Amino acid sequence: MVRPMLCITSMVAALVACDRPSASGGVDGGAGARAQLRGRVGSCDRAPTTGTCSEYAGAYLAQNEILLTSSCSRLGGTFVYAECPNTSVVGACALSTGEVRMFYGTGASAYEPERARQECEGSFHGAWQAR
């Protein structure tokens, strides 16, 4: 018999392993594994204009899909049914809604890691994870 806590621990370990940074500063090939564990994923990529990209999954995506897909372009982004790009990510901010906001260190609106962390924790009251 498999104990429920063992299953949860295994899933958490798999997620952590998927998010290990690579030598290039991105996330090592675990993006697909993260998506499989979270189910269907959508994202609003605003990296060129704001230096951020937001990922949505699970119940939050299902309940807000029409709003998320229609508002993304009005916010200067592009909505796709895929994860945010994983290159040049300085960190990710997990919000209470289930959104994960990625911050990028390149481009016109590039973030320094400390400024991204402060915005995540201060403005969004999110949980910061440096990459």
N, C-alpha and C. Protein backbone atom coordinates (compact mmCIF):
# COMPACT_ATOMS: atom_id res chain seq x y z
N MET A 1 0.84 -1.18 0.00
CA MET A 1 0.00 0.00 0.00
C MET A 1 0.89 1.24 0.00
N VAL A 2 0.61 2.17 -0.88
CA VAL A 2 1.36 3.42 -0.96
C VAL A 2 0.72 4.43 -0.01
N ARG A 3 1.54 5.03 0.79
CA ARG A 3 1.03 6.03 1.72
C ARG A 3 0.87 7.36 1.01
N PRO A 4 -0.24 8.09 1.28
CA PRO A 4 -0.47 9.37 0.61
C PRO A 4 0.67 10.37 0.80
N MET A 5 1.26 10.41 1.98
CA MET A 5 2.34 11.37 2.23
C MET A 5 3.55 11.05 1.36
N LEU A 6 3.82 9.76 1.12
CA LEU A 6 4.93 9.37 0.27
C LEU A 6 4.70 9.86 -1.15
N CYS A 7 3.47 9.76 -1.64
CA CYS A 7 3.15 10.24 -2.99
C CYS A 7 3.34 11.74 -3.09
N ILE A 8 2.88 12.48 -2.10
CA ILE A 8 3.02 13.93 -2.11
C ILE A 8 4.48 14.31 -2.07
N THR A 9 5.25 13.65 -1.21
CA THR A 9 6.68 13.94 -1.11
C THR A 9 7.38 13.67 -2.43
N SER A 10 7.00 12.59 -3.10
CA SER A 10 7.59 12.28 -4.39
C SER A 10 7.27 13.33 -5.44
N MET A 11 6.03 13.84 -5.43
CA MET A 11 5.65 14.87 -6.39
C MET A 11 6.41 16.16 -6.13
N VAL A 12 6.56 16.53 -4.87
CA VAL A 12 7.30 17.74 -4.53
C VAL A 12 8.76 17.59 -4.95
N ALA A 13 9.35 16.44 -4.71
CA ALA A 13 10.74 16.21 -5.11
C ALA A 13 10.88 16.31 -6.63
N ALA A 14 9.90 15.81 -7.36
CA ALA A 14 9.95 15.89 -8.82
C ALA A 14 9.88 17.34 -9.29
N LEU A 15 9.03 18.14 -8.66
CA LEU A 15 8.94 19.55 -9.02
C LEU A 15 10.23 20.28 -8.73
N VAL A 16 10.82 20.01 -7.58
CA VAL A 16 12.08 20.67 -7.22
C VAL A 16 13.16 20.28 -8.21
N ALA A 17 13.23 19.02 -8.57
CA ALA A 17 14.25 18.56 -9.51
C ALA A 17 14.06 19.22 -10.88
N CYS A 18 12.81 19.47 -11.26
CA CYS A 18 12.54 20.10 -12.55
C CYS A 18 12.96 21.55 -12.60
N ASP A 19 13.05 22.21 -11.46
CA ASP A 19 13.33 23.63 -11.42
C ASP A 19 14.77 23.97 -11.12
N ARG A 20 15.68 23.02 -11.26
CA ARG A 20 17.09 23.33 -11.03
C ARG A 20 17.63 24.21 -12.13
N PRO A 21 18.34 25.28 -11.76
CA PRO A 21 18.88 26.17 -12.80
C PRO A 21 19.97 25.49 -13.61
N SER A 22 20.06 25.85 -14.86
CA SER A 22 21.12 25.32 -15.72
C SER A 22 22.28 26.30 -15.75
N ALA A 23 23.36 25.91 -16.35
CA ALA A 23 24.54 26.77 -16.45
C ALA A 23 24.23 28.03 -17.24
N SER A 24 23.25 27.99 -18.13
CA SER A 24 22.92 29.16 -18.95
C SER A 24 21.99 30.13 -18.24
N GLY A 25 21.58 29.79 -17.01
CA GLY A 25 20.71 30.68 -16.26
C GLY A 25 19.24 30.36 -16.42
N GLY A 26 18.90 29.43 -17.31
CA GLY A 26 17.51 29.05 -17.50
C GLY A 26 17.19 27.86 -16.61
N VAL A 27 16.04 27.28 -16.83
CA VAL A 27 15.64 26.12 -16.07
C VAL A 27 15.94 24.88 -16.90
N ASP A 28 16.62 23.90 -16.32
CA ASP A 28 16.97 22.68 -17.04
C ASP A 28 15.72 21.94 -17.45
N GLY A 29 15.69 21.37 -18.61
CA GLY A 29 14.67 20.60 -19.25
C GLY A 29 13.51 20.09 -18.45
N GLY A 30 13.15 20.61 -17.32
CA GLY A 30 12.04 20.11 -16.53
C GLY A 30 10.73 20.78 -16.82
N ALA A 31 10.68 21.69 -17.77
CA ALA A 31 9.46 22.43 -18.05
C ALA A 31 8.32 21.49 -18.42
N GLY A 32 8.58 20.51 -19.26
CA GLY A 32 7.54 19.57 -19.66
C GLY A 32 7.04 18.74 -18.49
N ALA A 33 7.93 18.35 -17.60
CA ALA A 33 7.53 17.59 -16.42
C ALA A 33 6.66 18.44 -15.51
N ARG A 34 6.99 19.72 -15.36
CA ARG A 34 6.18 20.62 -14.53
C ARG A 34 4.78 20.72 -15.11
N ALA A 35 4.68 20.86 -16.43
CA ALA A 35 3.38 20.99 -17.08
C ALA A 35 2.55 19.74 -16.88
N GLN A 36 3.17 18.56 -16.98
CA GLN A 36 2.43 17.32 -16.81
C GLN A 36 1.87 17.20 -15.39
N LEU A 37 2.63 17.64 -14.40
CA LEU A 37 2.17 17.55 -13.02
C LEU A 37 1.06 18.57 -12.74
N ARG A 38 1.08 19.71 -13.42
CA ARG A 38 0.09 20.74 -13.17
C ARG A 38 -1.10 20.64 -14.11
N GLY A 39 -1.05 19.81 -15.12
CA GLY A 39 -2.14 19.72 -16.09
C GLY A 39 -1.99 20.77 -17.17
N ARG A 40 -3.10 21.19 -17.74
CA ARG A 40 -3.11 22.18 -18.82
C ARG A 40 -2.55 23.51 -18.34
N VAL A 41 -1.72 24.16 -19.16
CA VAL A 41 -1.06 25.41 -18.80
C VAL A 41 -1.28 26.45 -19.89
N GLY A 42 -1.49 27.69 -19.49
CA GLY A 42 -1.55 28.82 -20.41
C GLY A 42 -0.65 29.90 -19.87
N SER A 43 -0.18 30.78 -20.75
CA SER A 43 0.68 31.86 -20.28
C SER A 43 0.44 33.14 -21.08
N CYS A 44 0.69 34.25 -20.42
CA CYS A 44 0.63 35.56 -21.05
C CYS A 44 2.03 36.13 -21.00
N ASP A 45 2.69 36.12 -22.15
CA ASP A 45 4.08 36.56 -22.24
C ASP A 45 4.13 38.06 -22.52
N ARG A 46 4.55 38.81 -21.50
CA ARG A 46 4.71 40.26 -21.62
C ARG A 46 6.18 40.65 -21.45
N ALA A 47 7.08 39.69 -21.66
CA ALA A 47 8.51 39.94 -21.45
C ALA A 47 9.03 41.12 -22.28
N PRO A 48 8.66 41.25 -23.55
CA PRO A 48 9.20 42.38 -24.31
C PRO A 48 8.78 43.75 -23.77
N THR A 49 7.59 43.85 -23.17
CA THR A 49 7.10 45.14 -22.70
C THR A 49 7.27 45.37 -21.20
N THR A 50 7.18 44.29 -20.40
CA THR A 50 7.23 44.47 -18.94
C THR A 50 8.33 43.64 -18.27
N GLY A 51 8.97 42.74 -19.01
CA GLY A 51 9.98 41.88 -18.40
C GLY A 51 9.39 40.73 -17.61
N THR A 52 8.09 40.43 -17.82
CA THR A 52 7.43 39.36 -17.09
C THR A 52 6.61 38.47 -18.02
N CYS A 53 6.29 37.30 -17.51
CA CYS A 53 5.38 36.37 -18.18
C CYS A 53 4.62 35.66 -17.08
N SER A 54 3.32 35.51 -17.23
CA SER A 54 2.50 34.86 -16.21
C SER A 54 2.00 33.52 -16.70
N GLU A 55 2.17 32.49 -15.85
CA GLU A 55 1.66 31.14 -16.15
C GLU A 55 0.42 30.88 -15.31
N TYR A 56 -0.54 30.21 -15.94
CA TYR A 56 -1.78 29.87 -15.28
C TYR A 56 -2.04 28.38 -15.51
N ALA A 57 -2.56 27.71 -14.49
CA ALA A 57 -2.82 26.28 -14.62
C ALA A 57 -4.01 25.89 -13.74
N GLY A 58 -4.43 24.66 -13.90
CA GLY A 58 -5.44 24.07 -13.03
C GLY A 58 -6.75 24.83 -12.99
N ALA A 59 -7.33 24.89 -11.80
CA ALA A 59 -8.64 25.50 -11.61
C ALA A 59 -8.63 26.98 -11.96
N TYR A 60 -7.53 27.68 -11.65
CA TYR A 60 -7.48 29.12 -11.95
C TYR A 60 -7.60 29.36 -13.45
N LEU A 61 -6.88 28.59 -14.25
CA LEU A 61 -6.98 28.72 -15.70
C LEU A 61 -8.38 28.36 -16.17
N ALA A 62 -8.93 27.27 -15.68
CA ALA A 62 -10.26 26.83 -16.11
C ALA A 62 -11.34 27.86 -15.78
N GLN A 63 -11.28 28.44 -14.60
CA GLN A 63 -12.30 29.39 -14.16
C GLN A 63 -12.16 30.77 -14.80
N ASN A 64 -10.96 31.14 -15.22
CA ASN A 64 -10.71 32.49 -15.73
C ASN A 64 -10.21 32.52 -17.17
N GLU A 65 -10.37 31.44 -17.89
CA GLU A 65 -9.79 31.30 -19.22
C GLU A 65 -10.20 32.40 -20.19
N ILE A 66 -11.46 32.73 -20.26
CA ILE A 66 -11.93 33.76 -21.20
C ILE A 66 -11.31 35.10 -20.86
N LEU A 67 -11.30 35.48 -19.60
CA LEU A 67 -10.70 36.74 -19.17
C LEU A 67 -9.20 36.76 -19.45
N LEU A 68 -8.50 35.68 -19.10
CA LEU A 68 -7.05 35.63 -19.29
C LEU A 68 -6.66 35.71 -20.76
N THR A 69 -7.35 34.98 -21.62
CA THR A 69 -7.00 34.99 -23.04
C THR A 69 -7.34 36.32 -23.69
N SER A 70 -8.43 36.96 -23.29
CA SER A 70 -8.82 38.22 -23.92
C SER A 70 -8.05 39.42 -23.38
N SER A 71 -7.65 39.40 -22.14
CA SER A 71 -6.98 40.57 -21.55
C SER A 71 -5.48 40.59 -21.83
N CYS A 72 -4.88 39.50 -22.14
CA CYS A 72 -3.44 39.43 -22.34
C CYS A 72 -2.96 40.41 -23.40
N SER A 73 -3.59 40.42 -24.55
CA SER A 73 -3.14 41.32 -25.62
C SER A 73 -3.34 42.78 -25.25
N ARG A 74 -4.39 43.07 -24.48
CA ARG A 74 -4.61 44.46 -24.02
C ARG A 74 -3.54 44.90 -23.04
N LEU A 75 -2.86 43.93 -22.42
CA LEU A 75 -1.77 44.23 -21.49
C LEU A 75 -0.42 44.21 -22.18
N GLY A 76 -0.43 44.10 -23.51
CA GLY A 76 0.82 44.11 -24.27
C GLY A 76 1.48 42.75 -24.38
N GLY A 77 0.71 41.68 -24.14
CA GLY A 77 1.29 40.35 -24.18
C GLY A 77 0.70 39.46 -25.25
N THR A 78 1.21 38.24 -25.28
CA THR A 78 0.74 37.21 -26.20
C THR A 78 0.35 35.99 -25.37
N PHE A 79 -0.91 35.54 -25.52
CA PHE A 79 -1.37 34.37 -24.78
C PHE A 79 -1.15 33.11 -25.61
N VAL A 80 -0.57 32.08 -24.98
CA VAL A 80 -0.40 30.78 -25.62
C VAL A 80 -0.70 29.69 -24.60
N TYR A 81 -1.07 28.52 -25.10
CA TYR A 81 -1.29 27.37 -24.23
C TYR A 81 0.04 26.62 -24.10
N ALA A 82 0.91 27.19 -23.34
CA ALA A 82 2.24 26.63 -23.07
C ALA A 82 2.82 27.38 -21.87
N GLU A 83 3.92 26.88 -21.34
CA GLU A 83 4.59 27.56 -20.25
C GLU A 83 5.33 28.78 -20.77
N CYS A 84 5.68 29.67 -19.85
CA CYS A 84 6.49 30.84 -20.20
C CYS A 84 7.86 30.37 -20.69
N PRO A 85 8.51 31.18 -21.52
CA PRO A 85 9.88 30.84 -21.93
C PRO A 85 10.77 30.69 -20.70
N ASN A 86 11.73 29.79 -20.77
CA ASN A 86 12.57 29.53 -19.59
C ASN A 86 14.00 30.04 -19.75
N THR A 87 14.24 30.92 -20.70
CA THR A 87 15.57 31.49 -20.86
C THR A 87 15.63 32.87 -20.21
N SER A 88 16.75 33.16 -19.59
CA SER A 88 17.00 34.45 -18.94
C SER A 88 16.08 34.74 -17.76
N VAL A 89 15.52 33.72 -17.14
CA VAL A 89 14.64 33.90 -15.98
C VAL A 89 15.51 34.19 -14.76
N VAL A 90 15.21 35.29 -14.04
CA VAL A 90 15.94 35.58 -12.80
C VAL A 90 15.21 35.03 -11.59
N GLY A 91 13.90 34.76 -11.74
CA GLY A 91 13.14 34.19 -10.65
C GLY A 91 11.67 34.08 -10.99
N ALA A 92 10.96 33.41 -10.10
CA ALA A 92 9.52 33.21 -10.28
C ALA A 92 8.81 33.58 -8.99
N CYS A 93 7.61 34.10 -9.15
CA CYS A 93 6.80 34.54 -8.02
C CYS A 93 5.49 33.76 -8.03
N ALA A 94 5.29 32.92 -7.03
CA ALA A 94 4.05 32.14 -6.93
C ALA A 94 3.03 32.96 -6.15
N LEU A 95 1.92 33.28 -6.80
CA LEU A 95 0.87 34.08 -6.18
C LEU A 95 -0.21 33.18 -5.58
N SER A 96 -0.99 33.72 -4.67
CA SER A 96 -2.02 32.93 -3.99
C SER A 96 -3.10 32.44 -4.94
N THR A 97 -3.26 33.07 -6.10
CA THR A 97 -4.27 32.67 -7.08
C THR A 97 -3.87 31.40 -7.82
N GLY A 98 -2.58 31.07 -7.78
CA GLY A 98 -2.07 29.95 -8.56
C GLY A 98 -1.24 30.44 -9.74
N GLU A 99 -1.30 31.74 -10.02
CA GLU A 99 -0.46 32.31 -11.08
C GLU A 99 1.00 32.23 -10.66
N VAL A 100 1.87 31.95 -11.63
CA VAL A 100 3.31 32.02 -11.40
C VAL A 100 3.85 33.07 -12.36
N ARG A 101 4.38 34.14 -11.80
CA ARG A 101 4.91 35.24 -12.61
C ARG A 101 6.42 35.09 -12.73
N MET A 102 6.89 34.96 -13.97
CA MET A 102 8.31 34.82 -14.24
C MET A 102 8.89 36.22 -14.51
N PHE A 103 10.09 36.47 -13.99
CA PHE A 103 10.80 37.73 -14.20
C PHE A 103 12.05 37.44 -15.01
N TYR A 104 12.31 38.30 -16.02
CA TYR A 104 13.40 38.08 -16.96
C TYR A 104 14.50 39.13 -16.79
N GLY A 105 15.74 38.70 -17.01
CA GLY A 105 16.90 39.56 -16.84
C GLY A 105 17.45 40.15 -18.12
N THR A 106 16.73 40.03 -19.23
CA THR A 106 17.20 40.60 -20.50
C THR A 106 16.09 41.43 -21.13
N GLY A 107 16.45 42.25 -22.08
CA GLY A 107 15.48 43.06 -22.79
C GLY A 107 15.35 44.46 -22.21
N ALA A 108 14.49 45.25 -22.83
CA ALA A 108 14.31 46.65 -22.44
C ALA A 108 13.78 46.80 -21.02
N SER A 109 13.01 45.85 -20.55
CA SER A 109 12.42 45.91 -19.20
C SER A 109 13.04 44.87 -18.27
N ALA A 110 14.34 44.61 -18.42
CA ALA A 110 15.03 43.59 -17.65
C ALA A 110 14.96 43.86 -16.15
N TYR A 111 14.88 42.78 -15.39
CA TYR A 111 14.87 42.84 -13.93
C TYR A 111 16.20 42.37 -13.37
N GLU A 112 16.66 43.05 -12.34
CA GLU A 112 17.74 42.54 -11.50
C GLU A 112 17.06 41.63 -10.49
N PRO A 113 17.71 40.55 -10.07
CA PRO A 113 17.07 39.61 -9.15
C PRO A 113 16.49 40.25 -7.88
N GLU A 114 17.20 41.18 -7.28
CA GLU A 114 16.72 41.79 -6.04
C GLU A 114 15.46 42.63 -6.27
N ARG A 115 15.42 43.37 -7.35
CA ARG A 115 14.22 44.17 -7.65
C ARG A 115 13.03 43.26 -7.93
N ALA A 116 13.25 42.15 -8.63
CA ALA A 116 12.17 41.20 -8.90
C ALA A 116 11.65 40.58 -7.60
N ARG A 117 12.57 40.21 -6.72
CA ARG A 117 12.17 39.62 -5.42
C ARG A 117 11.34 40.61 -4.62
N GLN A 118 11.79 41.86 -4.58
CA GLN A 118 11.06 42.88 -3.82
C GLN A 118 9.67 43.11 -4.39
N GLU A 119 9.55 43.13 -5.72
CA GLU A 119 8.24 43.30 -6.34
C GLU A 119 7.34 42.11 -6.03
N CYS A 120 7.89 40.92 -6.11
CA CYS A 120 7.12 39.70 -5.82
C CYS A 120 6.59 39.73 -4.39
N GLU A 121 7.48 39.90 -3.46
CA GLU A 121 7.09 39.81 -2.04
C GLU A 121 6.34 41.05 -1.56
N GLY A 122 6.73 42.23 -2.04
CA GLY A 122 6.10 43.47 -1.58
C GLY A 122 4.81 43.80 -2.29
N SER A 123 4.83 43.87 -3.61
CA SER A 123 3.66 44.27 -4.38
C SER A 123 2.64 43.15 -4.53
N PHE A 124 3.10 41.93 -4.74
CA PHE A 124 2.19 40.82 -5.02
C PHE A 124 1.98 39.88 -3.83
N HIS A 125 2.75 40.06 -2.76
CA HIS A 125 2.67 39.18 -1.58
C HIS A 125 2.81 37.72 -1.99
N GLY A 126 3.74 37.49 -2.92
CA GLY A 126 3.97 36.15 -3.43
C GLY A 126 5.17 35.48 -2.78
N ALA A 127 5.38 34.23 -3.15
CA ALA A 127 6.53 33.44 -2.68
C ALA A 127 7.59 33.46 -3.76
N TRP A 128 8.74 34.00 -3.45
CA TRP A 128 9.83 34.19 -4.41
C TRP A 128 10.69 32.94 -4.51
N GLN A 129 11.06 32.58 -5.73
CA GLN A 129 12.01 31.50 -5.97
C GLN A 129 13.03 32.00 -6.99
N ALA A 130 14.26 32.22 -6.52
CA ALA A 130 15.33 32.65 -7.43
C ALA A 130 15.68 31.52 -8.37
N ARG A 131 16.13 31.87 -9.58
CA ARG A 131 16.52 30.84 -10.56
C ARG A 131 17.98 30.89 -10.84
